[in-house]
Protein backbone atom coordinates (compact mmCIF):
# COMPACT_ATOMS: atom_id res chain seq x y z
CA UNK A 1 0.00 0.00 0.00
CA UNK A 2 2.88 2.37 0.72
CA UNK A 3 0.67 4.34 3.12
CA UNK A 4 1.24 5.07 6.82
CA UNK A 5 -0.66 2.93 9.31
CA UNK A 6 -2.21 3.91 12.64
CA UNK A 7 -2.84 1.83 15.72
CA UNK A 8 -6.30 3.10 16.49
CA UNK A 9 -9.11 2.91 19.00
CA UNK A 10 -7.15 0.89 21.51
CA UNK A 11 -7.67 1.11 25.23
CA UNK A 12 -7.62 -0.90 28.41
CA UNK A 13 -10.45 -1.28 30.88
CA UNK A 14 -9.79 -0.18 34.43
CA UNK A 15 -12.48 -0.32 37.08
CA UNK A 16 -10.83 1.96 39.61
CA UNK A 17 -8.13 4.59 39.49
CA UNK A 18 -5.76 2.45 41.55
CA UNK A 19 -5.43 0.07 38.58
CA UNK A 20 -4.32 2.68 36.04
CA UNK A 21 -0.54 2.67 36.48
CA UNK A 22 -0.23 -1.11 36.80
CA UNK A 23 -2.84 -2.17 34.24
CA UNK A 24 -3.49 0.49 31.63
CA UNK A 25 -0.15 2.31 31.46
CA UNK A 26 1.86 -0.78 30.42
CA UNK A 27 -0.71 -1.45 27.67
CA UNK A 28 -0.34 2.10 26.33
CA UNK A 29 3.42 1.83 26.65
CA UNK A 30 3.40 -1.16 24.27
CA UNK A 31 1.33 0.69 21.66
CA UNK A 32 3.44 3.85 21.84
CA UNK A 33 6.71 1.88 21.87
CA UNK A 34 5.66 -0.13 18.81
CA UNK A 35 4.79 3.10 16.99
CA UNK A 36 7.99 4.93 17.94
CA UNK A 37 10.14 1.91 17.04
CA UNK A 38 8.38 1.61 13.69
CA UNK A 39 8.99 5.26 12.89
CA UNK A 40 12.65 5.08 13.91
CA UNK A 41 13.20 1.91 11.86
CA UNK A 42 11.32 2.96 8.73
CA UNK A 43 8.31 0.75 9.41
CA UNK A 44 4.74 1.44 8.34
CA UNK A 45 3.21 2.41 11.71
CA UNK A 46 3.20 6.20 12.03
CA UNK A 47 0.67 7.07 14.72
CA UNK A 48 -1.76 6.06 17.45
CA UNK A 49 -5.37 6.93 18.20
CA UNK A 50 -6.37 5.71 21.65
CA UNK A 51 -9.81 5.43 23.24
CA UNK A 52 -11.37 7.22 25.28
CA UNK A 53 -10.64 10.73 26.53
CA UNK A 54 -12.88 12.08 29.26
CA UNK A 55 -12.65 15.86 29.12
CA UNK A 56 -14.84 16.29 32.19
CA UNK A 57 -12.41 15.36 34.95
CA UNK A 58 -15.24 15.40 37.47
CA UNK A 59 -17.34 12.74 35.78
CA UNK A 60 -17.60 9.17 37.05
CA UNK A 61 -14.75 6.96 35.83
CA UNK A 62 -15.92 4.94 32.84
CA UNK A 63 -14.16 1.69 32.07
CA UNK A 64 -12.02 3.18 29.26
CA UNK A 65 -11.95 6.84 30.37
CA UNK A 66 -8.68 8.74 30.38
CA UNK A 67 -8.64 11.94 32.40
CA UNK A 68 -5.99 14.65 32.22
CA UNK A 69 -4.76 13.87 35.74
CA UNK A 70 -4.28 10.13 35.06
CA UNK A 71 -0.76 8.79 34.70
CA UNK A 72 -1.74 7.46 31.27
CA UNK A 73 -2.29 11.04 30.12
CA UNK A 74 0.68 12.58 31.90
CA UNK A 75 3.32 9.87 31.34
CA UNK A 76 2.24 8.19 28.12
CA UNK A 77 -0.06 10.22 25.89
CA UNK A 78 1.32 13.75 26.23
CA UNK A 79 5.09 13.14 26.08
CA UNK A 80 4.99 10.21 23.68
CA UNK A 81 2.58 11.93 21.29
CA UNK A 82 5.02 14.83 21.17
CA UNK A 83 7.85 12.39 20.43
CA UNK A 84 5.85 10.87 17.58
CA UNK A 85 5.07 14.34 16.24
CA UNK A 86 8.76 15.30 16.33
CA UNK A 87 9.86 12.05 14.67
CA UNK A 88 7.29 12.21 11.88
CA UNK A 89 8.13 15.83 11.05
CA UNK A 90 11.56 14.66 9.92
CA UNK A 91 10.15 11.99 7.58
CA UNK A 92 9.63 12.54 3.88
CA UNK A 93 6.04 13.15 2.84
CA UNK A 94 4.13 10.11 1.59
CA UNK A 95 2.89 10.61 -1.95
CA UNK A 96 -0.89 10.75 -2.04
CA UNK A 97 -1.26 11.48 1.69
CA UNK A 98 -2.14 14.93 2.94
CA UNK A 99 -1.14 15.63 6.55
CA UNK A 100 -3.70 17.41 8.71
PDB file of N, CA and C in Angstrom:
ATOM      1  N   UNK A   1       0.811  -1.196   0.000  1.00  0.00           N
ATOM      2  CA  UNK A   1       0.000   0.000   0.000  1.00  0.00           C
ATOM      3  C   UNK A   1       0.856   1.263   0.000  1.00  0.00           C
ATOM      4  N   UNK A   2       1.990   1.210   0.624  1.00  0.00           N
ATOM      5  CA  UNK A   2       2.877   2.367   0.717  1.00  0.00           C
ATOM      6  C   UNK A   2       2.200   3.567   1.394  1.00  0.00           C
ATOM      7  N   UNK A   3       1.352   3.290   2.359  1.00  0.00           N
ATOM      8  CA  UNK A   3       0.670   4.336   3.121  1.00  0.00           C
ATOM      9  C   UNK A   3       0.985   4.137   4.604  1.00  0.00           C
ATOM     10  N   UNK A   4       1.005   5.219   5.380  1.00  0.00           N
ATOM     11  CA  UNK A   4       1.237   5.074   6.824  1.00  0.00           C
ATOM     12  C   UNK A   4       0.053   4.393   7.509  1.00  0.00           C
ATOM     13  N   UNK A   5       0.368   3.616   8.529  1.00  0.00           N
ATOM     14  CA  UNK A   5      -0.660   2.927   9.307  1.00  0.00           C
ATOM     15  C   UNK A   5      -0.769   3.543  10.693  1.00  0.00           C
ATOM     16  N   UNK A   6      -1.961   3.447  11.277  1.00  0.00           N
ATOM     17  CA  UNK A   6      -2.210   3.906  12.639  1.00  0.00           C
ATOM     18  C   UNK A   6      -2.677   2.736  13.483  1.00  0.00           C
ATOM     19  N   UNK A   7      -2.242   2.719  14.728  1.00  0.00           N
ATOM     20  CA  UNK A   7      -2.843   1.830  15.720  1.00  0.00           C
ATOM     21  C   UNK A   7      -3.979   2.658  16.302  1.00  0.00           C
ATOM     22  N   UNK A   8      -5.220   2.216  16.085  1.00  0.00           N
ATOM     23  CA  UNK A   8      -6.298   3.095  16.494  1.00  0.00           C
ATOM     24  C   UNK A   8      -7.352   2.421  17.358  1.00  0.00           C
ATOM     25  N   UNK A   9      -8.024   3.273  18.089  1.00  0.00           N
ATOM     26  CA  UNK A   9      -9.107   2.915  19.000  1.00  0.00           C
ATOM     27  C   UNK A   9      -8.737   1.756  19.916  1.00  0.00           C
ATOM     28  N   UNK A  10      -7.549   1.875  20.516  1.00  0.00           N
ATOM     29  CA  UNK A  10      -7.146   0.888  21.507  1.00  0.00           C
ATOM     30  C   UNK A  10      -7.339   1.497  22.891  1.00  0.00           C
ATOM     31  N   UNK A  11      -7.515   0.664  23.859  1.00  0.00           N
ATOM     32  CA  UNK A  11      -7.668   1.106  25.233  1.00  0.00           C
ATOM     33  C   UNK A  11      -7.568  -0.090  26.155  1.00  0.00           C
ATOM     34  N   UNK A  12      -7.691   0.169  27.421  1.00  0.00           N
ATOM     35  CA  UNK A  12      -7.616  -0.904  28.414  1.00  0.00           C
ATOM     36  C   UNK A  12      -8.585  -0.573  29.533  1.00  0.00           C
ATOM     37  N   UNK A  13      -9.459  -1.492  29.822  1.00  0.00           N
ATOM     38  CA  UNK A  13     -10.447  -1.276  30.881  1.00  0.00           C
ATOM     39  C   UNK A  13      -9.762  -1.218  32.235  1.00  0.00           C
ATOM     40  N   UNK A  14     -10.138  -0.223  33.006  1.00  0.00           N
ATOM     41  CA  UNK A  14      -9.792  -0.182  34.434  1.00  0.00           C
ATOM     42  C   UNK A  14     -11.067   0.141  35.194  1.00  0.00           C
ATOM     43  N   UNK A  15     -11.252  -0.508  36.309  1.00  0.00           N
ATOM     44  CA  UNK A  15     -12.479  -0.317  37.081  1.00  0.00           C
ATOM     45  C   UNK A  15     -12.298   0.670  38.222  1.00  0.00           C
ATOM     46  N   UNK A  16     -11.058   0.925  38.601  1.00  0.00           N
ATOM     47  CA  UNK A  16     -10.828   1.958  39.611  1.00  0.00           C
ATOM     48  C   UNK A  16      -9.484   2.613  39.329  1.00  0.00           C
ATOM     49  N   UNK A  17      -9.321   3.810  39.818  1.00  0.00           N
ATOM     50  CA  UNK A  17      -8.130   4.588  39.488  1.00  0.00           C
ATOM     51  C   UNK A  17      -6.845   3.966  40.023  1.00  0.00           C
ATOM     52  N   UNK A  18      -6.942   3.118  41.019  1.00  0.00           N
ATOM     53  CA  UNK A  18      -5.765   2.448  41.551  1.00  0.00           C
ATOM     54  C   UNK A  18      -5.155   1.438  40.585  1.00  0.00           C
ATOM     55  N   UNK A  19      -5.914   1.045  39.557  1.00  0.00           N
ATOM     56  CA  UNK A  19      -5.433   0.065  38.581  1.00  0.00           C
ATOM     57  C   UNK A  19      -4.765   0.696  37.359  1.00  0.00           C
ATOM     58  N   UNK A  20      -4.782   2.011  37.261  1.00  0.00           N
ATOM     59  CA  UNK A  20      -4.318   2.680  36.041  1.00  0.00           C
ATOM     60  C   UNK A  20      -2.841   2.444  35.781  1.00  0.00           C
ATOM     61  N   UNK A  21      -1.987   2.750  36.746  1.00  0.00           N
ATOM     62  CA  UNK A  21      -0.542   2.672  36.482  1.00  0.00           C
ATOM     63  C   UNK A  21      -0.067   1.235  36.282  1.00  0.00           C
ATOM     64  N   UNK A  22      -0.672   0.276  36.925  1.00  0.00           N
ATOM     65  CA  UNK A  22      -0.228  -1.107  36.801  1.00  0.00           C
ATOM     66  C   UNK A  22      -0.905  -1.892  35.699  1.00  0.00           C
ATOM     67  N   UNK A  23      -2.068  -1.423  35.241  1.00  0.00           N
ATOM     68  CA  UNK A  23      -2.839  -2.166  34.244  1.00  0.00           C
ATOM     69  C   UNK A  23      -2.887  -1.455  32.897  1.00  0.00           C
ATOM     70  N   UNK A  24      -3.323  -0.208  32.907  1.00  0.00           N
ATOM     71  CA  UNK A  24      -3.494   0.492  31.632  1.00  0.00           C
ATOM     72  C   UNK A  24      -2.196   1.076  31.092  1.00  0.00           C
ATOM     73  N   UNK A  25      -1.377   1.669  31.942  1.00  0.00           N
ATOM     74  CA  UNK A  25      -0.150   2.313  31.460  1.00  0.00           C
ATOM     75  C   UNK A  25       0.772   1.356  30.709  1.00  0.00           C
ATOM     76  N   UNK A  26       1.002   0.130  31.189  1.00  0.00           N
ATOM     77  CA  UNK A  26       1.858  -0.782  30.422  1.00  0.00           C
ATOM     78  C   UNK A  26       1.280  -1.117  29.036  1.00  0.00           C
ATOM     79  N   UNK A  27      -0.033  -1.180  28.938  1.00  0.00           N
ATOM     80  CA  UNK A  27      -0.708  -1.452  27.671  1.00  0.00           C
ATOM     81  C   UNK A  27      -0.459  -0.306  26.685  1.00  0.00           C
ATOM     82  N   UNK A  28      -0.604   0.932  27.168  1.00  0.00           N
ATOM     83  CA  UNK A  28      -0.341   2.097  26.330  1.00  0.00           C
ATOM     84  C   UNK A  28       1.140   2.194  25.977  1.00  0.00           C
ATOM     85  N   UNK A  29       1.987   1.824  26.917  1.00  0.00           N
ATOM     86  CA  UNK A  29       3.424   1.826  26.653  1.00  0.00           C
ATOM     87  C   UNK A  29       3.759   0.928  25.461  1.00  0.00           C
ATOM     88  N   UNK A  30       3.140  -0.239  25.386  1.00  0.00           N
ATOM     89  CA  UNK A  30       3.403  -1.156  24.273  1.00  0.00           C
ATOM     90  C   UNK A  30       2.970  -0.550  22.941  1.00  0.00           C
ATOM     91  N   UNK A  31       1.816   0.082  22.903  1.00  0.00           N
ATOM     92  CA  UNK A  31       1.332   0.686  21.656  1.00  0.00           C
ATOM     93  C   UNK A  31       2.222   1.849  21.229  1.00  0.00           C
ATOM     94  N   UNK A  32       2.570   2.714  22.174  1.00  0.00           N
ATOM     95  CA  UNK A  32       3.436   3.847  21.845  1.00  0.00           C
ATOM     96  C   UNK A  32       4.843   3.378  21.474  1.00  0.00           C
ATOM     97  N   UNK A  33       5.370   2.400  22.183  1.00  0.00           N
ATOM     98  CA  UNK A  33       6.709   1.884  21.866  1.00  0.00           C
ATOM     99  C   UNK A  33       6.746   1.255  20.483  1.00  0.00           C
ATOM    100  N   UNK A  34       5.718   0.489  20.133  1.00  0.00           N
ATOM    101  CA  UNK A  34       5.664  -0.126  18.805  1.00  0.00           C
ATOM    102  C   UNK A  34       5.636   0.950  17.724  1.00  0.00           C
ATOM    103  N   UNK A  35       4.887   2.013  17.966  1.00  0.00           N
ATOM    104  CA  UNK A  35       4.789   3.102  16.995  1.00  0.00           C
ATOM    105  C   UNK A  35       6.117   3.833  16.852  1.00  0.00           C
ATOM    106  N   UNK A  36       6.712   4.197  17.965  1.00  0.00           N
ATOM    107  CA  UNK A  36       7.988   4.929  17.939  1.00  0.00           C
ATOM    108  C   UNK A  36       9.083   4.087  17.305  1.00  0.00           C
ATOM    109  N   UNK A  37       9.139   2.798  17.645  1.00  0.00           N
ATOM    110  CA  UNK A  37      10.139   1.912  17.042  1.00  0.00           C
ATOM    111  C   UNK A  37       9.925   1.768  15.540  1.00  0.00           C
ATOM    112  N   UNK A  38       8.670   1.695  15.118  1.00  0.00           N
ATOM    113  CA  UNK A  38       8.375   1.605  13.692  1.00  0.00           C
ATOM    114  C   UNK A  38       8.844   2.854  12.957  1.00  0.00           C
ATOM    115  N   UNK A  39       8.571   4.009  13.518  1.00  0.00           N
ATOM    116  CA  UNK A  39       8.991   5.260  12.888  1.00  0.00           C
ATOM    117  C   UNK A  39      10.514   5.318  12.796  1.00  0.00           C
ATOM    118  N   UNK A  40      11.188   5.000  13.890  1.00  0.00           N
ATOM    119  CA  UNK A  40      12.650   5.076  13.912  1.00  0.00           C
ATOM    120  C   UNK A  40      13.303   4.083  12.952  1.00  0.00           C
ATOM    121  N   UNK A  41      12.631   2.960  12.704  1.00  0.00           N
ATOM    122  CA  UNK A  41      13.204   1.911  11.863  1.00  0.00           C
ATOM    123  C   UNK A  41      12.613   1.870  10.452  1.00  0.00           C
ATOM    124  N   UNK A  42      11.878   2.903  10.076  1.00  0.00           N
ATOM    125  CA  UNK A  42      11.325   2.964   8.726  1.00  0.00           C
ATOM    126  C   UNK A  42      10.140   2.055   8.479  1.00  0.00           C
ATOM    127  N   UNK A  43       9.476   1.632   9.552  1.00  0.00           N
ATOM    128  CA  UNK A  43       8.314   0.755   9.408  1.00  0.00           C
ATOM    129  C   UNK A  43       7.052   1.517   9.014  1.00  0.00           C
ATOM    130  N   UNK A  44       5.955   0.809   8.830  1.00  0.00           N
ATOM    131  CA  UNK A  44       4.736   1.436   8.338  1.00  0.00           C
ATOM    132  C   UNK A  44       3.899   2.152   9.397  1.00  0.00           C
ATOM    133  N   UNK A  45       4.058   1.807  10.673  1.00  0.00           N
ATOM    134  CA  UNK A  45       3.211   2.410  11.708  1.00  0.00           C
ATOM    135  C   UNK A  45       3.713   3.823  11.989  1.00  0.00           C
ATOM    136  N   UNK A  46       2.806   4.802  11.894  1.00  0.00           N
ATOM    137  CA  UNK A  46       3.199   6.203  12.029  1.00  0.00           C
ATOM    138  C   UNK A  46       2.406   6.966  13.081  1.00  0.00           C
ATOM    139  N   UNK A  47       1.434   6.332  13.725  1.00  0.00           N
ATOM    140  CA  UNK A  47       0.667   7.071  14.720  1.00  0.00           C
ATOM    141  C   UNK A  47      -0.254   6.177  15.519  1.00  0.00           C
ATOM    142  N   UNK A  48      -0.821   6.765  16.574  1.00  0.00           N
ATOM    143  CA  UNK A  48      -1.762   6.064  17.450  1.00  0.00           C
ATOM    144  C   UNK A  48      -2.999   6.927  17.668  1.00  0.00           C
ATOM    145  N   UNK A  49      -4.113   6.266  17.864  1.00  0.00           N
ATOM    146  CA  UNK A  49      -5.373   6.935  18.198  1.00  0.00           C
ATOM    147  C   UNK A  49      -6.038   6.092  19.282  1.00  0.00           C
ATOM    148  N   UNK A  50      -5.880   6.488  20.519  1.00  0.00           N
ATOM    149  CA  UNK A  50      -6.366   5.714  21.655  1.00  0.00           C
ATOM    150  C   UNK A  50      -7.828   6.055  21.951  1.00  0.00           C
ATOM    151  N   UNK A  51      -8.419   5.273  22.842  1.00  0.00           N
ATOM    152  CA  UNK A  51      -9.807   5.433  23.237  1.00  0.00           C
ATOM    153  C   UNK A  51      -9.862   5.386  24.744  1.00  0.00           C
ATOM    154  N   UNK A  52     -10.364   6.208  25.454  1.00  0.00           N
ATOM    155  CA  UNK A  52     -11.368   7.221  25.278  1.00  0.00           C
ATOM    156  C   UNK A  52     -11.025   8.357  26.220  1.00  0.00           C
ATOM    157  N   UNK A  53     -10.938   9.559  25.718  1.00  0.00           N
ATOM    158  CA  UNK A  53     -10.636  10.727  26.528  1.00  0.00           C
ATOM    159  C   UNK A  53     -11.892  11.218  27.218  1.00  0.00           C
ATOM    160  N   UNK A  54     -11.775  11.534  28.486  1.00  0.00           N
ATOM    161  CA  UNK A  54     -12.885  12.084  29.261  1.00  0.00           C
ATOM    162  C   UNK A  54     -12.510  13.500  29.644  1.00  0.00           C
ATOM    163  N   UNK A  55     -12.993  14.461  28.891  1.00  0.00           N
ATOM    164  CA  UNK A  55     -12.647  15.860  29.117  1.00  0.00           C
ATOM    165  C   UNK A  55     -13.198  16.430  30.405  1.00  0.00           C
ATOM    166  N   UNK A  56     -14.254  15.835  30.933  1.00  0.00           N
ATOM    167  CA  UNK A  56     -14.841  16.294  32.187  1.00  0.00           C
ATOM    168  C   UNK A  56     -14.198  15.506  33.323  1.00  0.00           C
ATOM    169  N   UNK A  57     -13.161  16.076  33.909  1.00  0.00           N
ATOM    170  CA  UNK A  57     -12.413  15.363  34.947  1.00  0.00           C
ATOM    171  C   UNK A  57     -13.228  15.077  36.199  1.00  0.00           C
ATOM    172  N   UNK A  58     -14.408  15.626  36.291  1.00  0.00           N
ATOM    173  CA  UNK A  58     -15.243  15.403  37.472  1.00  0.00           C
ATOM    174  C   UNK A  58     -16.246  14.278  37.282  1.00  0.00           C
ATOM    175  N   UNK A  59     -16.369  13.784  36.061  1.00  0.00           N
ATOM    176  CA  UNK A  59     -17.345  12.737  35.780  1.00  0.00           C
ATOM    177  C   UNK A  59     -16.905  11.406  36.395  1.00  0.00           C
ATOM    178  N   UNK A  60     -17.858  10.528  36.566  1.00  0.00           N
ATOM    179  CA  UNK A  60     -17.595   9.173  37.054  1.00  0.00           C
ATOM    180  C   UNK A  60     -16.628   8.468  36.107  1.00  0.00           C
ATOM    181  N   UNK A  61     -15.712   7.694  36.638  1.00  0.00           N
ATOM    182  CA  UNK A  61     -14.749   6.963  35.829  1.00  0.00           C
ATOM    183  C   UNK A  61     -15.457   5.867  35.041  1.00  0.00           C
ATOM    184  N   UNK A  62     -15.430   6.000  33.706  1.00  0.00           N
ATOM    185  CA  UNK A  62     -15.924   4.940  32.843  1.00  0.00           C
ATOM    186  C   UNK A  62     -14.813   3.922  32.648  1.00  0.00           C
ATOM    187  N   UNK A  63     -15.150   2.776  32.138  1.00  0.00           N
ATOM    188  CA  UNK A  63     -14.165   1.695  32.065  1.00  0.00           C
ATOM    189  C   UNK A  63     -12.964   1.993  31.179  1.00  0.00           C
ATOM    190  N   UNK A  64     -13.131   2.832  30.144  1.00  0.00           N
ATOM    191  CA  UNK A  64     -12.019   3.184  29.261  1.00  0.00           C
ATOM    192  C   UNK A  64     -11.560   4.633  29.422  1.00  0.00           C
ATOM    193  N   UNK A  65     -12.206   5.401  30.272  1.00  0.00           N
ATOM    194  CA  UNK A  65     -11.952   6.843  30.372  1.00  0.00           C
ATOM    195  C   UNK A  65     -10.509   7.178  30.743  1.00  0.00           C
ATOM    196  N   UNK A  66      -9.983   8.190  30.054  1.00  0.00           N
ATOM    197  CA  UNK A  66      -8.676   8.745  30.379  1.00  0.00           C
ATOM    198  C   UNK A  66      -8.889  10.204  30.724  1.00  0.00           C
ATOM    199  N   UNK A  67      -8.502  10.570  31.925  1.00  0.00           N
ATOM    200  CA  UNK A  67      -8.645  11.942  32.398  1.00  0.00           C
ATOM    201  C   UNK A  67      -7.267  12.613  32.400  1.00  0.00           C
ATOM    202  N   UNK A  68      -7.261  13.926  32.351  1.00  0.00           N
ATOM    203  CA  UNK A  68      -5.992  14.647  32.222  1.00  0.00           C
ATOM    204  C   UNK A  68      -5.099  14.524  33.449  1.00  0.00           C
ATOM    205  N   UNK A  69      -5.599  14.057  34.557  1.00  0.00           N
ATOM    206  CA  UNK A  69      -4.759  13.867  35.739  1.00  0.00           C
ATOM    207  C   UNK A  69      -4.310  12.411  35.898  1.00  0.00           C
ATOM    208  N   UNK A  70      -4.712  11.526  35.004  1.00  0.00           N
ATOM    209  CA  UNK A  70      -4.276  10.130  35.058  1.00  0.00           C
ATOM    210  C   UNK A  70      -2.830   9.999  34.589  1.00  0.00           C
ATOM    211  N   UNK A  71      -2.139   9.028  35.123  1.00  0.00           N
ATOM    212  CA  UNK A  71      -0.757   8.787  34.701  1.00  0.00           C
ATOM    213  C   UNK A  71      -0.692   8.417  33.225  1.00  0.00           C
ATOM    214  N   UNK A  72      -1.721   7.795  32.698  1.00  0.00           N
ATOM    215  CA  UNK A  72      -1.742   7.459  31.270  1.00  0.00           C
ATOM    216  C   UNK A  72      -1.634   8.718  30.431  1.00  0.00           C
ATOM    217  N   UNK A  73      -2.329   9.758  30.830  1.00  0.00           N
ATOM    218  CA  UNK A  73      -2.287  11.042  30.119  1.00  0.00           C
ATOM    219  C   UNK A  73      -0.937  11.719  30.310  1.00  0.00           C
ATOM    220  N   UNK A  74      -0.520  11.812  31.564  1.00  0.00           N
ATOM    221  CA  UNK A  74       0.679  12.583  31.904  1.00  0.00           C
ATOM    222  C   UNK A  74       1.985  11.907  31.486  1.00  0.00           C
ATOM    223  N   UNK A  75       2.046  10.575  31.577  1.00  0.00           N
ATOM    224  CA  UNK A  75       3.315   9.871  31.342  1.00  0.00           C
ATOM    225  C   UNK A  75       3.384   9.129  30.011  1.00  0.00           C
ATOM    226  N   UNK A  76       2.246   8.898  29.396  1.00  0.00           N
ATOM    227  CA  UNK A  76       2.243   8.190  28.119  1.00  0.00           C
ATOM    228  C   UNK A  76       1.786   9.100  26.976  1.00  0.00           C
ATOM    229  N   UNK A  77       0.551   9.529  27.032  1.00  0.00           N
ATOM    230  CA  UNK A  77      -0.056  10.223  25.893  1.00  0.00           C
ATOM    231  C   UNK A  77       0.632  11.538  25.567  1.00  0.00           C
ATOM    232  N   UNK A  78       0.767  12.424  26.526  1.00  0.00           N
ATOM    233  CA  UNK A  78       1.324  13.754  26.234  1.00  0.00           C
ATOM    234  C   UNK A  78       2.781  13.680  25.758  1.00  0.00           C
ATOM    235  N   UNK A  79       3.688  13.110  26.534  1.00  0.00           N
ATOM    236  CA  UNK A  79       5.087  13.142  26.080  1.00  0.00           C
ATOM    237  C   UNK A  79       5.354  12.257  24.862  1.00  0.00           C
ATOM    238  N   UNK A  80       4.691  11.128  24.782  1.00  0.00           N
ATOM    239  CA  UNK A  80       4.992  10.212  23.676  1.00  0.00           C
ATOM    240  C   UNK A  80       4.324  10.660  22.385  1.00  0.00           C
ATOM    241  N   UNK A  81       3.192  11.344  22.486  1.00  0.00           N
ATOM    242  CA  UNK A  81       2.583  11.934  21.287  1.00  0.00           C
ATOM    243  C   UNK A  81       3.482  13.031  20.734  1.00  0.00           C
ATOM    244  N   UNK A  82       4.079  13.797  21.620  1.00  0.00           N
ATOM    245  CA  UNK A  82       5.020  14.828  21.174  1.00  0.00           C
ATOM    246  C   UNK A  82       6.228  14.186  20.502  1.00  0.00           C
ATOM    247  N   UNK A  83       6.719  13.093  21.044  1.00  0.00           N
ATOM    248  CA  UNK A  83       7.850  12.394  20.434  1.00  0.00           C
ATOM    249  C   UNK A  83       7.491  11.900  19.034  1.00  0.00           C
ATOM    250  N   UNK A  84       6.305  11.336  18.892  1.00  0.00           N
ATOM    251  CA  UNK A  84       5.850  10.872  17.575  1.00  0.00           C
ATOM    252  C   UNK A  84       5.738  12.051  16.614  1.00  0.00           C
ATOM    253  N   UNK A  85       5.191  13.143  17.077  1.00  0.00           N
ATOM    254  CA  UNK A  85       5.071  14.339  16.235  1.00  0.00           C
ATOM    255  C   UNK A  85       6.450  14.801  15.764  1.00  0.00           C
ATOM    256  N   UNK A  86       7.403  14.868  16.678  1.00  0.00           N
ATOM    257  CA  UNK A  86       8.755  15.301  16.331  1.00  0.00           C
ATOM    258  C   UNK A  86       9.420  14.341  15.346  1.00  0.00           C
ATOM    259  N   UNK A  87       9.263  13.048  15.561  1.00  0.00           N
ATOM    260  CA  UNK A  87       9.864  12.055  14.669  1.00  0.00           C
ATOM    261  C   UNK A  87       9.253  12.103  13.271  1.00  0.00           C
ATOM    262  N   UNK A  88       7.943  12.236  13.196  1.00  0.00           N
ATOM    263  CA  UNK A  88       7.290  12.211  11.883  1.00  0.00           C
ATOM    264  C   UNK A  88       7.528  13.492  11.090  1.00  0.00           C
ATOM    265  N   UNK A  89       7.811  14.592  11.764  1.00  0.00           N
ATOM    266  CA  UNK A  89       8.133  15.833  11.049  1.00  0.00           C
ATOM    267  C   UNK A  89       9.379  15.672  10.191  1.00  0.00           C
ATOM    268  N   UNK A  90      10.292  14.848  10.630  1.00  0.00           N
ATOM    269  CA  UNK A  90      11.561  14.661   9.919  1.00  0.00           C
ATOM    270  C   UNK A  90      11.442  13.681   8.753  1.00  0.00           C
ATOM    271  N   UNK A  91      10.310  12.983   8.649  1.00  0.00           N
ATOM    272  CA  UNK A  91      10.152  11.987   7.582  1.00  0.00           C
ATOM    273  C   UNK A  91       9.733  12.636   6.273  1.00  0.00           C
ATOM    274  N   UNK A  92      10.102  12.014   5.161  1.00  0.00           N
ATOM    275  CA  UNK A  92       9.626  12.541   3.881  1.00  0.00           C
ATOM    276  C   UNK A  92       8.109  12.347   3.773  1.00  0.00           C
ATOM    277  N   UNK A  93       7.479  13.231   3.037  1.00  0.00           N
ATOM    278  CA  UNK A  93       6.036  13.147   2.836  1.00  0.00           C
ATOM    279  C   UNK A  93       5.715  11.896   2.014  1.00  0.00           C
ATOM    280  N   UNK A  94       4.574  11.285   2.316  1.00  0.00           N
ATOM    281  CA  UNK A  94       4.129  10.110   1.593  1.00  0.00           C
ATOM    282  C   UNK A  94       3.253  10.575   0.442  1.00  0.00           C
ATOM    283  N   UNK A  95       3.636  10.202  -0.766  1.00  0.00           N
ATOM    284  CA  UNK A  95       2.893  10.615  -1.948  1.00  0.00           C
ATOM    285  C   UNK A  95       1.435  10.144  -1.844  1.00  0.00           C
ATOM    286  N   UNK A  96       0.536  11.075  -2.085  1.00  0.00           N
ATOM    287  CA  UNK A  96      -0.886  10.754  -2.038  1.00  0.00           C
ATOM    288  C   UNK A  96      -1.522  10.952  -0.670  1.00  0.00           C
ATOM    289  N   UNK A  97      -0.730  11.232   0.354  1.00  0.00           N
ATOM    290  CA  UNK A  97      -1.260  11.480   1.693  1.00  0.00           C
ATOM    291  C   UNK A  97      -1.120  12.969   2.009  1.00  0.00           C
ATOM    292  N   UNK A  98      -2.160  13.515   2.576  1.00  0.00           N
ATOM    293  CA  UNK A  98      -2.137  14.932   2.943  1.00  0.00           C
ATOM    294  C   UNK A  98      -2.194  15.026   4.458  1.00  0.00           C
ATOM    295  N   UNK A  99      -1.119  15.502   5.098  1.00  0.00           N
ATOM    296  CA  UNK A  99      -1.138  15.629   6.552  1.00  0.00           C
ATOM    297  C   UNK A  99      -2.152  16.680   6.995  1.00  0.00           C
ATOM    298  N   UNK A 100      -2.765  16.431   8.137  1.00  0.00           N
ATOM    299  CA  UNK A 100      -3.704  17.410   8.707  1.00  0.00           C
ATOM    300  C   UNK A 100      -3.240  17.863  10.059  1.00  0.00           C
TER     301      UNK A 100
END
